[in-house]
Amino acid sequence: MAEKRQALRKPAAGAAIRRSATRTANGGARNDDAAPEIGLDALAGHAGYAVRRFQIWIFQDFIKTLAAVDIRPTQYSVMTVIGANPGLSQMAVAKRLGIERARLVHLLDSLEGRDFVSRIPSATDRRSHALHLTARGKAALAQFRRLAATHERHVAEKIGKENRERLLQILSCFT
């Protein structure tokens, strides 16, 4: 039995082990690579797990592709919706994109600070603001869209053009 445990601990002669061990906050070793010997068991059949992993890849590629212009996916979404619907209220944008109102206020502060978005007090409701892209915001959004198109090409390269189209069709019931 001890020999069996020892054999499990030792790699076979000549076997290459690729592990990037780093230290965690408490000093323990952490394996950063998803080693092939670590199985996913039932996770491999869970749509939620696969979608989440794909989302992580999508966000990383989007952020990398748009890094030069320092725009995040949610900021891009907010600017795109405002650009397509000038004069929407903050509440309408938050509801349509599924963003918490408090988080949207922070996002708008950031976009307003970069002179991409302006909040104009509503003529009909003193508690509300109409959202508009500034001239600088419209020009920036055009640039962001070109970069986002590059990102979408990366997605098509990763999963195939037909699969990308099919994926969009499948996910359309959630948008």
Protein backbone atom coordinates (compact mmCIF):
# COMPACT_ATOMS: atom_id res chain seq x y z
CA MET A 1 0.00 0.00 0.00
CA ALA A 2 2.83 2.40 0.88
CA GLU A 3 4.50 1.54 -2.45
CA LYS A 4 1.27 2.39 -4.29
CA ARG A 5 1.02 5.80 -2.57
CA GLN A 6 4.69 6.44 -3.29
CA ALA A 7 4.17 5.53 -6.97
CA LEU A 8 1.28 7.98 -7.18
CA ARG A 9 3.45 10.78 -5.82
CA LYS A 10 6.40 10.16 -8.12
CA PRO A 11 6.18 10.91 -11.84
CA ALA A 12 7.19 8.18 -14.23
CA ALA A 13 10.81 8.36 -15.30
CA GLY A 14 11.22 10.91 -18.06
CA ALA A 15 7.68 12.28 -17.65
CA ALA A 16 7.50 16.02 -18.14
CA ILE A 17 5.51 17.87 -15.53
CA ARG A 18 4.58 21.44 -16.41
CA ARG A 19 3.41 23.26 -13.35
CA SER A 20 3.63 26.87 -12.48
CA ALA A 21 3.68 26.81 -8.71
CA THR A 22 3.14 30.16 -7.08
CA ARG A 23 2.53 31.00 -3.49
CA THR A 24 -0.90 31.92 -2.17
CA ALA A 25 -1.46 34.66 0.38
CA ASN A 26 -1.05 32.15 3.23
CA GLY A 27 2.19 30.75 1.79
CA GLY A 28 0.78 27.54 0.35
CA ALA A 29 1.66 26.39 -3.14
CA ARG A 30 -0.92 26.92 -5.86
CA ASN A 31 -0.88 25.26 -9.26
CA ASP A 32 -1.81 27.90 -11.85
CA ASP A 33 -2.01 25.53 -14.80
CA ALA A 34 -5.09 23.43 -15.44
CA ALA A 35 -3.17 20.15 -15.40
CA PRO A 36 -4.54 17.52 -17.77
CA GLU A 37 -4.89 15.07 -14.88
CA ILE A 38 -7.46 17.29 -13.17
CA GLY A 39 -10.85 16.15 -14.42
CA LEU A 40 -13.97 18.29 -14.50
CA ASP A 41 -16.35 15.41 -13.83
CA ALA A 42 -19.95 16.62 -14.19
CA LEU A 43 -18.84 20.20 -14.91
CA ALA A 44 -17.96 19.12 -18.44
CA GLY A 45 -21.67 18.62 -19.09
CA HIS A 46 -22.92 21.83 -17.44
CA ALA A 47 -23.92 24.55 -19.87
CA GLY A 48 -23.44 27.21 -17.18
CA TYR A 49 -19.85 26.19 -16.59
CA ALA A 50 -19.06 26.19 -20.32
CA VAL A 51 -20.77 29.54 -20.84
CA ARG A 52 -18.88 31.07 -17.92
CA ARG A 53 -15.54 29.82 -19.26
CA PHE A 54 -16.40 31.21 -22.69
CA GLN A 55 -17.45 34.51 -21.10
CA ILE A 56 -14.08 34.76 -19.37
CA TRP A 57 -12.30 34.18 -22.69
CA ILE A 58 -14.60 36.71 -24.43
CA PHE A 59 -13.98 39.41 -21.82
CA GLN A 60 -10.23 38.83 -21.80
CA ASP A 61 -10.06 39.12 -25.59
CA PHE A 62 -12.33 42.19 -25.64
CA ILE A 63 -10.25 43.94 -22.98
CA LYS A 64 -7.00 43.02 -24.76
CA THR A 65 -8.32 44.11 -28.17
CA LEU A 66 -9.59 47.44 -26.83
CA ALA A 67 -6.76 48.02 -24.34
CA ALA A 68 -5.30 50.92 -26.33
CA VAL A 69 -8.54 52.90 -25.90
CA ASP A 70 -9.11 51.85 -22.27
CA ILE A 71 -12.73 50.80 -22.66
CA ARG A 72 -14.35 47.91 -20.81
CA PRO A 73 -17.20 45.72 -22.09
CA THR A 74 -19.85 47.34 -19.88
CA GLN A 75 -18.73 50.86 -20.81
CA TYR A 76 -18.93 49.90 -24.48
CA SER A 77 -22.42 48.47 -23.96
CA VAL A 78 -23.64 51.61 -22.19
CA MET A 79 -22.22 53.90 -24.89
CA THR A 80 -23.68 51.72 -27.66
CA VAL A 81 -27.18 51.81 -26.14
CA ILE A 82 -27.00 55.57 -25.50
CA GLY A 83 -25.72 56.15 -29.03
CA ALA A 84 -28.61 54.13 -30.49
CA ASN A 85 -31.19 55.76 -28.19
CA PRO A 86 -30.25 59.38 -27.40
CA GLY A 87 -32.18 60.84 -24.50
CA LEU A 88 -32.78 57.60 -22.59
CA SER A 89 -32.94 57.90 -18.83
CA GLN A 90 -30.35 56.30 -16.59
CA MET A 91 -33.08 54.00 -15.29
CA ALA A 92 -33.97 52.82 -18.81
CA VAL A 93 -30.33 52.08 -19.68
CA ALA A 94 -29.79 50.23 -16.39
CA LYS A 95 -32.91 48.16 -16.90
CA ARG A 96 -32.20 47.33 -20.55
CA LEU A 97 -28.62 46.20 -19.87
CA GLY A 98 -29.32 44.58 -16.50
CA ILE A 99 -26.92 46.86 -14.63
CA GLU A 100 -27.56 47.92 -11.04
CA ARG A 101 -28.45 51.60 -10.90
CA ALA A 102 -25.65 52.42 -8.46
CA ARG A 103 -23.11 50.72 -10.72
CA LEU A 104 -24.45 52.58 -13.76
CA VAL A 105 -24.05 55.91 -11.94
CA HIS A 106 -20.38 55.06 -11.37
CA LEU A 107 -19.96 54.04 -15.04
CA LEU A 108 -21.62 57.24 -16.23
CA ASP A 109 -19.41 59.32 -13.95
CA SER A 110 -16.39 57.69 -15.59
CA LEU A 111 -17.73 58.20 -19.13
CA GLU A 112 -18.75 61.76 -18.36
CA GLY A 113 -15.27 62.44 -16.94
CA ARG A 114 -13.80 61.35 -20.29
CA ASP A 115 -16.28 63.63 -22.10
CA PHE A 116 -18.00 60.69 -23.82
CA VAL A 117 -21.44 61.06 -22.25
CA SER A 118 -23.50 63.98 -21.02
CA ARG A 119 -26.41 63.91 -18.58
CA ILE A 120 -29.02 66.51 -19.33
CA PRO A 121 -31.76 67.17 -16.77
CA SER A 122 -35.09 65.87 -18.04
CA ALA A 123 -37.65 68.48 -19.07
CA THR A 124 -40.47 66.33 -17.70
CA ASP A 125 -38.97 64.76 -14.57
CA ARG A 126 -36.62 66.75 -12.32
CA ARG A 127 -35.31 63.50 -10.79
CA SER A 128 -34.23 62.08 -14.14
CA HIS A 129 -31.47 62.77 -16.64
CA ALA A 130 -31.47 62.20 -20.38
CA LEU A 131 -28.28 60.56 -21.59
CA HIS A 132 -26.50 61.63 -24.77
CA LEU A 133 -23.14 60.93 -26.35
CA THR A 134 -21.00 64.01 -26.71
CA ALA A 135 -19.30 64.76 -30.03
CA ARG A 136 -16.16 63.22 -28.56
CA GLY A 137 -18.23 60.23 -27.40
CA LYS A 138 -19.66 59.68 -30.89
CA ALA A 139 -16.18 59.72 -32.42
CA ALA A 140 -14.84 57.42 -29.70
CA LEU A 141 -17.74 55.00 -30.14
CA ALA A 142 -17.00 54.76 -33.88
CA GLN A 143 -13.41 53.79 -33.01
CA PHE A 144 -14.60 51.35 -30.33
CA ARG A 145 -16.94 49.69 -32.83
CA ARG A 146 -14.08 49.10 -35.28
CA LEU A 147 -12.03 47.48 -32.50
CA ALA A 148 -15.06 45.49 -31.31
CA ALA A 149 -15.44 44.17 -34.88
CA THR A 150 -11.85 42.92 -34.62
CA HIS A 151 -12.78 41.23 -31.36
CA GLU A 152 -15.79 39.59 -33.04
CA ARG A 153 -13.44 38.27 -35.74
CA HIS A 154 -11.36 36.72 -32.96
CA VAL A 155 -14.49 35.01 -31.65
CA ALA A 156 -15.26 33.66 -35.12
CA GLU A 157 -11.68 32.42 -35.44
CA LYS A 158 -11.96 30.67 -32.07
CA ILE A 159 -15.29 28.89 -32.59
CA GLY A 160 -15.93 29.21 -36.33
CA LYS A 161 -18.11 31.69 -38.19
CA GLU A 162 -21.12 29.36 -38.41
CA ASN A 163 -20.88 28.45 -34.73
CA ARG A 164 -20.68 32.14 -33.82
CA GLU A 165 -23.85 32.82 -35.80
CA ARG A 166 -25.59 29.83 -34.24
CA LEU A 167 -24.46 30.87 -30.76
CA LEU A 168 -25.90 34.36 -31.27
CA GLN A 169 -29.15 32.81 -32.41
CA ILE A 170 -29.31 30.51 -29.39
CA LEU A 171 -28.51 33.31 -26.95
CA SER A 172 -30.91 35.82 -28.55
CA CYS A 173 -33.69 34.80 -26.18
CA PHE A 174 -31.62 36.28 -23.33
CA THR A 175 -31.02 39.71 -24.87
